[in-house]
PDB file of N, CA and C in Angstrom:
ATOM      1  N   MET A   1      -9.172 -13.637 -17.260  1.00  0.00           N
ATOM      2  CA  MET A   1      -8.975 -12.672 -16.194  1.00  0.00           C
ATOM      3  C   MET A   1      -9.723 -13.086 -14.932  1.00  0.00           C
ATOM      4  N   ILE A   2     -10.962 -13.500 -15.095  1.00  0.00           N
ATOM      5  CA  ILE A   2     -11.761 -13.915 -13.949  1.00  0.00           C
ATOM      6  C   ILE A   2     -11.175 -15.172 -13.327  1.00  0.00           C
ATOM      7  N   GLU A   3     -10.626 -16.044 -14.161  1.00  0.00           N
ATOM      8  CA  GLU A   3      -9.999 -17.265 -13.638  1.00  0.00           C
ATOM      9  C   GLU A   3      -8.792 -16.931 -12.771  1.00  0.00           C
ATOM     10  N   LYS A   4      -8.009 -15.955 -13.173  1.00  0.00           N
ATOM     11  CA  LYS A   4      -6.840 -15.545 -12.387  1.00  0.00           C
ATOM     12  C   LYS A   4      -7.265 -14.958 -11.043  1.00  0.00           C
ATOM     13  N   ILE A   5      -8.350 -14.192 -11.041  1.00  0.00           N
ATOM     14  CA  ILE A   5      -8.851 -13.613  -9.799  1.00  0.00           C
ATOM     15  C   ILE A   5      -9.343 -14.712  -8.869  1.00  0.00           C
ATOM     16  N   LYS A   6     -10.019 -15.717  -9.417  1.00  0.00           N
ATOM     17  CA  LYS A   6     -10.487 -16.832  -8.605  1.00  0.00           C
ATOM     18  C   LYS A   6      -9.321 -17.596  -7.990  1.00  0.00           C
ATOM     19  N   ILE A   7      -8.266 -17.802  -8.772  1.00  0.00           N
ATOM     20  CA  ILE A   7      -7.092 -18.505  -8.261  1.00  0.00           C
ATOM     21  C   ILE A   7      -6.420 -17.700  -7.162  1.00  0.00           C
ATOM     22  N   LEU A   8      -6.282 -16.390  -7.362  1.00  0.00           N
ATOM     23  CA  LEU A   8      -5.703 -15.527  -6.328  1.00  0.00           C
ATOM     24  C   LEU A   8      -6.535 -15.551  -5.056  1.00  0.00           C
ATOM     25  N   TRP A   9      -7.833 -15.479  -5.203  1.00  0.00           N
ATOM     26  CA  TRP A   9      -8.706 -15.456  -4.035  1.00  0.00           C
ATOM     27  C   TRP A   9      -8.627 -16.777  -3.272  1.00  0.00           C
ATOM     28  N   GLN A  10      -8.609 -17.896  -3.991  1.00  0.00           N
ATOM     29  CA  GLN A  10      -8.560 -19.196  -3.341  1.00  0.00           C
ATOM     30  C   GLN A  10      -7.214 -19.472  -2.689  1.00  0.00           C
ATOM     31  N   SER A  11      -6.150 -18.945  -3.248  1.00  0.00           N
ATOM     32  CA  SER A  11      -4.828 -19.181  -2.685  1.00  0.00           C
ATOM     33  C   SER A  11      -4.485 -18.209  -1.564  1.00  0.00           C
ATOM     34  N   GLY A  12      -5.323 -17.248  -1.290  1.00  0.00           N
ATOM     35  CA  GLY A  12      -5.067 -16.261  -0.251  1.00  0.00           C
ATOM     36  C   GLY A  12      -4.236 -15.092  -0.757  1.00  0.00           C
ATOM     37  N   GLY A  13      -3.868 -15.093  -2.019  1.00  0.00           N
ATOM     38  CA  GLY A  13      -3.042 -14.032  -2.570  1.00  0.00           C
ATOM     39  C   GLY A  13      -3.741 -12.693  -2.630  1.00  0.00           C
ATOM     40  N   LEU A  14      -5.023 -12.713  -2.967  1.00  0.00           N
ATOM     41  CA  LEU A  14      -5.775 -11.458  -3.048  1.00  0.00           C
ATOM     42  C   LEU A  14      -5.929 -10.827  -1.674  1.00  0.00           C
ATOM     43  N   PHE A  15      -6.131 -11.658  -0.662  1.00  0.00           N
ATOM     44  CA  PHE A  15      -6.218 -11.156   0.703  1.00  0.00           C
ATOM     45  C   PHE A  15      -4.886 -10.542   1.127  1.00  0.00           C
ATOM     46  N   LYS A  16      -3.798 -11.202   0.787  1.00  0.00           N
ATOM     47  CA  LYS A  16      -2.463 -10.705   1.142  1.00  0.00           C
ATOM     48  C   LYS A  16      -2.187  -9.367   0.457  1.00  0.00           C
ATOM     49  N   ILE A  17      -2.514  -9.265  -0.815  1.00  0.00           N
ATOM     50  CA  ILE A  17      -2.272  -8.035  -1.569  1.00  0.00           C
ATOM     51  C   ILE A  17      -3.130  -6.896  -1.037  1.00  0.00           C
ATOM     52  N   SER A  18      -4.419  -7.158  -0.820  1.00  0.00           N
ATOM     53  CA  SER A  18      -5.294  -6.090  -0.343  1.00  0.00           C
ATOM     54  C   SER A  18      -4.917  -5.656   1.071  1.00  0.00           C
ATOM     55  N   THR A  19      -4.474  -6.587   1.896  1.00  0.00           N
ATOM     56  CA  THR A  19      -4.019  -6.215   3.237  1.00  0.00           C
ATOM     57  C   THR A  19      -2.779  -5.334   3.158  1.00  0.00           C
ATOM     58  N   GLY A  20      -1.849  -5.671   2.273  1.00  0.00           N
ATOM     59  CA  GLY A  20      -0.651  -4.856   2.098  1.00  0.00           C
ATOM     60  C   GLY A  20      -0.967  -3.453   1.630  1.00  0.00           C
ATOM     61  N   VAL A  21      -1.918  -3.333   0.720  1.00  0.00           N
ATOM     62  CA  VAL A  21      -2.307  -2.017   0.208  1.00  0.00           C
ATOM     63  C   VAL A  21      -2.979  -1.189   1.304  1.00  0.00           C
ATOM     64  N   ILE A  22      -3.869  -1.813   2.065  1.00  0.00           N
ATOM     65  CA  ILE A  22      -4.578  -1.084   3.120  1.00  0.00           C
ATOM     66  C   ILE A  22      -3.625  -0.646   4.226  1.00  0.00           C
ATOM     67  N   VAL A  23      -2.757  -1.546   4.655  1.00  0.00           N
ATOM     68  CA  VAL A  23      -1.788  -1.197   5.701  1.00  0.00           C
ATOM     69  C   VAL A  23      -0.853  -0.093   5.202  1.00  0.00           C
ATOM     70  N   GLY A  24      -0.401  -0.197   3.956  1.00  0.00           N
ATOM     71  CA  GLY A  24       0.458   0.833   3.393  1.00  0.00           C
ATOM     72  C   GLY A  24      -0.228   2.184   3.321  1.00  0.00           C
ATOM     73  N   ALA A  25      -1.501   2.190   2.943  1.00  0.00           N
ATOM     74  CA  ALA A  25      -2.248   3.451   2.862  1.00  0.00           C
ATOM     75  C   ALA A  25      -2.417   4.071   4.245  1.00  0.00           C
ATOM     76  N   VAL A  26      -2.710   3.248   5.230  1.00  0.00           N
ATOM     77  CA  VAL A  26      -2.865   3.769   6.601  1.00  0.00           C
ATOM     78  C   VAL A  26      -1.539   4.329   7.109  1.00  0.00           C
ATOM     79  N   LEU A  27      -0.453   3.615   6.843  1.00  0.00           N
ATOM     80  CA  LEU A  27       0.856   4.112   7.268  1.00  0.00           C
ATOM     81  C   LEU A  27       1.250   5.384   6.519  1.00  0.00           C
ATOM     82  N   GLY A  28       0.905   5.472   5.239  1.00  0.00           N
ATOM     83  CA  GLY A  28       1.187   6.679   4.472  1.00  0.00           C
ATOM     84  C   GLY A  28       0.443   7.886   5.009  1.00  0.00           C
ATOM     85  N   TYR A  29      -0.831   7.699   5.325  1.00  0.00           N
ATOM     86  CA  TYR A  29      -1.594   8.807   5.893  1.00  0.00           C
ATOM     87  C   TYR A  29      -1.075   9.161   7.289  1.00  0.00           C
ATOM     88  N   SER A  30      -0.719   8.145   8.058  1.00  0.00           N
ATOM     89  CA  SER A  30      -0.176   8.401   9.392  1.00  0.00           C
ATOM     90  C   SER A  30       1.111   9.203   9.312  1.00  0.00           C
ATOM     91  N   TYR A  31       1.930   8.896   8.336  1.00  0.00           N
ATOM     92  CA  TYR A  31       3.161   9.656   8.147  1.00  0.00           C
ATOM     93  C   TYR A  31       2.846  11.119   7.834  1.00  0.00           C
ATOM     94  N   TYR A  32       1.873  11.339   6.974  1.00  0.00           N
ATOM     95  CA  TYR A  32       1.460  12.719   6.663  1.00  0.00           C
ATOM     96  C   TYR A  32       0.958  13.423   7.922  1.00  0.00           C
ATOM     97  N   TYR A  33       0.121  12.743   8.679  1.00  0.00           N
ATOM     98  CA  TYR A  33      -0.530  13.362   9.825  1.00  0.00           C
ATOM     99  C   TYR A  33       0.458  13.700  10.943  1.00  0.00           C
ATOM    100  N   PHE A  34       1.365  12.778  11.249  1.00  0.00           N
ATOM    101  CA  PHE A  34       2.255  12.973  12.388  1.00  0.00           C
ATOM    102  C   PHE A  34       3.583  13.643  12.037  1.00  0.00           C
ATOM    103  N   ILE A  35       4.111  13.378  10.835  1.00  0.00           N
ATOM    104  CA  ILE A  35       5.450  13.857  10.491  1.00  0.00           C
ATOM    105  C   ILE A  35       5.444  14.810   9.306  1.00  0.00           C
ATOM    106  N   GLY A  36       4.483  14.696   8.427  1.00  0.00           N
ATOM    107  CA  GLY A  36       4.461  15.366   7.134  1.00  0.00           C
ATOM    108  C   GLY A  36       4.900  16.816   7.081  1.00  0.00           C
ATOM    109  N   CYS A  37       5.079  17.281   5.885  1.00  0.00           N
ATOM    110  CA  CYS A  37       5.547  18.630   5.597  1.00  0.00           C
ATOM    111  C   CYS A  37       4.456  19.646   5.957  1.00  0.00           C
ATOM    112  N   LYS A  38       4.769  20.561   6.803  1.00  0.00           N
ATOM    113  CA  LYS A  38       3.777  21.549   7.262  1.00  0.00           C
ATOM    114  C   LYS A  38       3.578  22.698   6.275  1.00  0.00           C
ATOM    115  N   THR A  39       4.574  22.965   5.441  1.00  0.00           N
ATOM    116  CA  THR A  39       4.456  24.085   4.512  1.00  0.00           C
ATOM    117  C   THR A  39       3.708  23.730   3.236  1.00  0.00           C
ATOM    118  N   GLY A  40       3.596  22.437   2.938  1.00  0.00           N
ATOM    119  CA  GLY A  40       2.906  22.013   1.730  1.00  0.00           C
ATOM    120  C   GLY A  40       3.778  21.994   0.492  1.00  0.00           C
ATOM    121  N   THR A  41       5.084  22.228   0.640  1.00  0.00           N
ATOM    122  CA  THR A  41       5.966  22.253  -0.523  1.00  0.00           C
ATOM    123  C   THR A  41       6.562  20.888  -0.848  1.00  0.00           C
ATOM    124  N   CYS A  42       6.429  19.929   0.038  1.00  0.00           N
ATOM    125  CA  CYS A  42       6.978  18.585  -0.209  1.00  0.00           C
ATOM    126  C   CYS A  42       6.050  17.839  -1.171  1.00  0.00           C
ATOM    127  N   ALA A  43       6.647  17.142  -2.107  1.00  0.00           N
ATOM    128  CA  ALA A  43       5.853  16.479  -3.149  1.00  0.00           C
ATOM    129  C   ALA A  43       4.994  15.343  -2.603  1.00  0.00           C
ATOM    130  N   ILE A  44       5.533  14.529  -1.736  1.00  0.00           N
ATOM    131  CA  ILE A  44       4.785  13.370  -1.256  1.00  0.00           C
ATOM    132  C   ILE A  44       4.041  13.680   0.036  1.00  0.00           C
ATOM    133  N   THR A  45       4.695  14.305   0.985  1.00  0.00           N
ATOM    134  CA  THR A  45       4.086  14.493   2.300  1.00  0.00           C
ATOM    135  C   THR A  45       3.369  15.823   2.459  1.00  0.00           C
ATOM    136  N   GLY A  46       3.277  16.601   1.431  1.00  0.00           N
ATOM    137  CA  GLY A  46       2.614  17.900   1.528  1.00  0.00           C
ATOM    138  C   GLY A  46       1.107  17.821   1.429  1.00  0.00           C
ATOM    139  N   HIS A  47       0.567  16.712   0.951  1.00  0.00           N
ATOM    140  CA  HIS A  47      -0.870  16.549   0.766  1.00  0.00           C
ATOM    141  C   HIS A  47      -1.251  15.148   1.214  1.00  0.00           C
ATOM    142  N   PRO A  48      -2.355  14.970   1.932  1.00  0.00           N
ATOM    143  CA  PRO A  48      -2.694  13.644   2.452  1.00  0.00           C
ATOM    144  C   PRO A  48      -2.974  12.601   1.370  1.00  0.00           C
ATOM    145  N   LEU A  49      -3.532  13.008   0.254  1.00  0.00           N
ATOM    146  CA  LEU A  49      -3.809  12.050  -0.812  1.00  0.00           C
ATOM    147  C   LEU A  49      -2.514  11.486  -1.390  1.00  0.00           C
ATOM    148  N   ASN A  50      -1.531  12.340  -1.593  1.00  0.00           N
ATOM    149  CA  ASN A  50      -0.252  11.883  -2.141  1.00  0.00           C
ATOM    150  C   ASN A  50       0.422  10.881  -1.218  1.00  0.00           C
ATOM    151  N   SER A  51       0.473  11.183   0.065  1.00  0.00           N
ATOM    152  CA  SER A  51       1.157  10.279   0.986  1.00  0.00           C
ATOM    153  C   SER A  51       0.381   8.973   1.164  1.00  0.00           C
ATOM    154  N   THR A  52      -0.946   9.034   1.112  1.00  0.00           N
ATOM    155  CA  THR A  52      -1.758   7.821   1.219  1.00  0.00           C
ATOM    156  C   THR A  52      -1.548   6.930   0.000  1.00  0.00           C
ATOM    157  N   LEU A  53      -1.569   7.513  -1.185  1.00  0.00           N
ATOM    158  CA  LEU A  53      -1.340   6.726  -2.396  1.00  0.00           C
ATOM    159  C   LEU A  53       0.078   6.164  -2.439  1.00  0.00           C
ATOM    160  N   TYR A  54       1.047   6.951  -2.008  1.00  0.00           N
ATOM    161  CA  TYR A  54       2.426   6.485  -1.966  1.00  0.00           C
ATOM    162  C   TYR A  54       2.560   5.298  -1.017  1.00  0.00           C
ATOM    163  N   GLY A  55       1.938   5.393   0.139  1.00  0.00           N
ATOM    164  CA  GLY A  55       1.969   4.284   1.088  1.00  0.00           C
ATOM    165  C   GLY A  55       1.290   3.046   0.537  1.00  0.00           C
ATOM    166  N   ALA A  56       0.169   3.225  -0.160  1.00  0.00           N
ATOM    167  CA  ALA A  56      -0.536   2.084  -0.752  1.00  0.00           C
ATOM    168  C   ALA A  56       0.318   1.398  -1.816  1.00  0.00           C
ATOM    169  N   VAL A  57       0.989   2.182  -2.634  1.00  0.00           N
ATOM    170  CA  VAL A  57       1.864   1.608  -3.669  1.00  0.00           C
ATOM    171  C   VAL A  57       3.040   0.872  -3.030  1.00  0.00           C
ATOM    172  N   MET A  58       3.605   1.447  -1.966  1.00  0.00           N
ATOM    173  CA  MET A  58       4.710   0.780  -1.273  1.00  0.00           C
ATOM    174  C   MET A  58       4.242  -0.530  -0.637  1.00  0.00           C
ATOM    175  N   GLY A  59       3.043  -0.526  -0.069  1.00  0.00           N
ATOM    176  CA  GLY A  59       2.483  -1.759   0.486  1.00  0.00           C
ATOM    177  C   GLY A  59       2.249  -2.805  -0.587  1.00  0.00           C
ATOM    178  N   LEU A  60       1.787  -2.370  -1.742  1.00  0.00           N
ATOM    179  CA  LEU A  60       1.581  -3.286  -2.868  1.00  0.00           C
ATOM    180  C   LEU A  60       2.900  -3.878  -3.335  1.00  0.00           C
ATOM    181  N   LEU A  61       3.906  -3.042  -3.459  1.00  0.00           N
ATOM    182  CA  LEU A  61       5.214  -3.537  -3.895  1.00  0.00           C
ATOM    183  C   LEU A  61       5.820  -4.504  -2.884  1.00  0.00           C
ATOM    184  N   LEU A  62       5.653  -4.224  -1.623  1.00  0.00           N
ATOM    185  CA  LEU A  62       6.202  -5.126  -0.612  1.00  0.00           C
ATOM    186  C   LEU A  62       5.497  -6.476  -0.596  1.00  0.00           C
ATOM    187  N   THR A  63       4.208  -6.494  -0.865  1.00  0.00           N
ATOM    188  CA  THR A  63       3.505  -7.782  -0.892  1.00  0.00           C
ATOM    189  C   THR A  63       3.854  -8.569  -2.150  1.00  0.00           C
ATOM    190  N   PHE A  64       4.144  -7.897  -3.245  1.00  0.00           N
ATOM    191  CA  PHE A  64       4.540  -8.615  -4.456  1.00  0.00           C
ATOM    192  C   PHE A  64       5.956  -9.158  -4.364  1.00  0.00           C
ATOM    193  N   THR A  65       6.828  -8.477  -3.640  1.00  0.00           N
ATOM    194  CA  THR A  65       8.221  -8.907  -3.600  1.00  0.00           C
ATOM    195  C   THR A  65       8.489  -9.945  -2.538  1.00  0.00           C
ATOM    196  N   SER A  66       7.549 -10.178  -1.619  1.00  0.00           N
ATOM    197  CA  SER A  66       7.795 -11.201  -0.599  1.00  0.00           C
ATOM    198  C   SER A  66       7.644 -12.588  -1.239  1.00  0.00           C
ATOM    199  N   LYS A  67       8.573 -13.458  -0.885  1.00  0.00           N
ATOM    200  CA  LYS A  67       8.586 -14.804  -1.454  1.00  0.00           C
ATOM    201  C   LYS A  67       8.255 -15.828  -0.379  1.00  0.00           C
ATOM    202  N   LYS A  68       7.655 -16.910  -0.816  1.00  0.00           N
ATOM    203  CA  LYS A  68       7.371 -18.012   0.103  1.00  0.00           C
ATOM    204  C   LYS A  68       8.642 -18.806   0.343  1.00  0.00           C
ATOM    205  N   LYS A  69       8.857 -19.173   1.574  1.00  0.00           N
ATOM    206  CA  LYS A  69      10.002 -20.024   1.884  1.00  0.00           C
ATOM    207  C   LYS A  69       9.584 -21.488   1.755  1.00  0.00           C
ATOM    208  N   ASP A  70      10.384 -22.248   1.052  1.00  0.00           N
ATOM    209  CA  ASP A  70      10.069 -23.667   0.871  1.00  0.00           C
ATOM    210  C   ASP A  70      10.683 -24.514   1.958  1.00  0.00           C
TER     211      ASP A  70
END
C-alpha cells in the first residue's frame, strides 16, 4: 500500500487527484451558496455538507476518468 502511494506521489497522480477533489468540493459548496435549494428539501443542495461532498466525489471521478494522450 505504501509503495503504491509513493508511486502515485512521484508520478504526480496524487497531486492530480487531490487537486480534483479540492476543486470539486469548492465548486460544490459554491453551488450550494449561490444557487442551492433555499427550502432545504433538496437532497444534495439543501445542506452545505451534502453539496460539498457531492462536488468532491465528482471531482474525484473526473480525475480518475481523464486519460493521458499518447
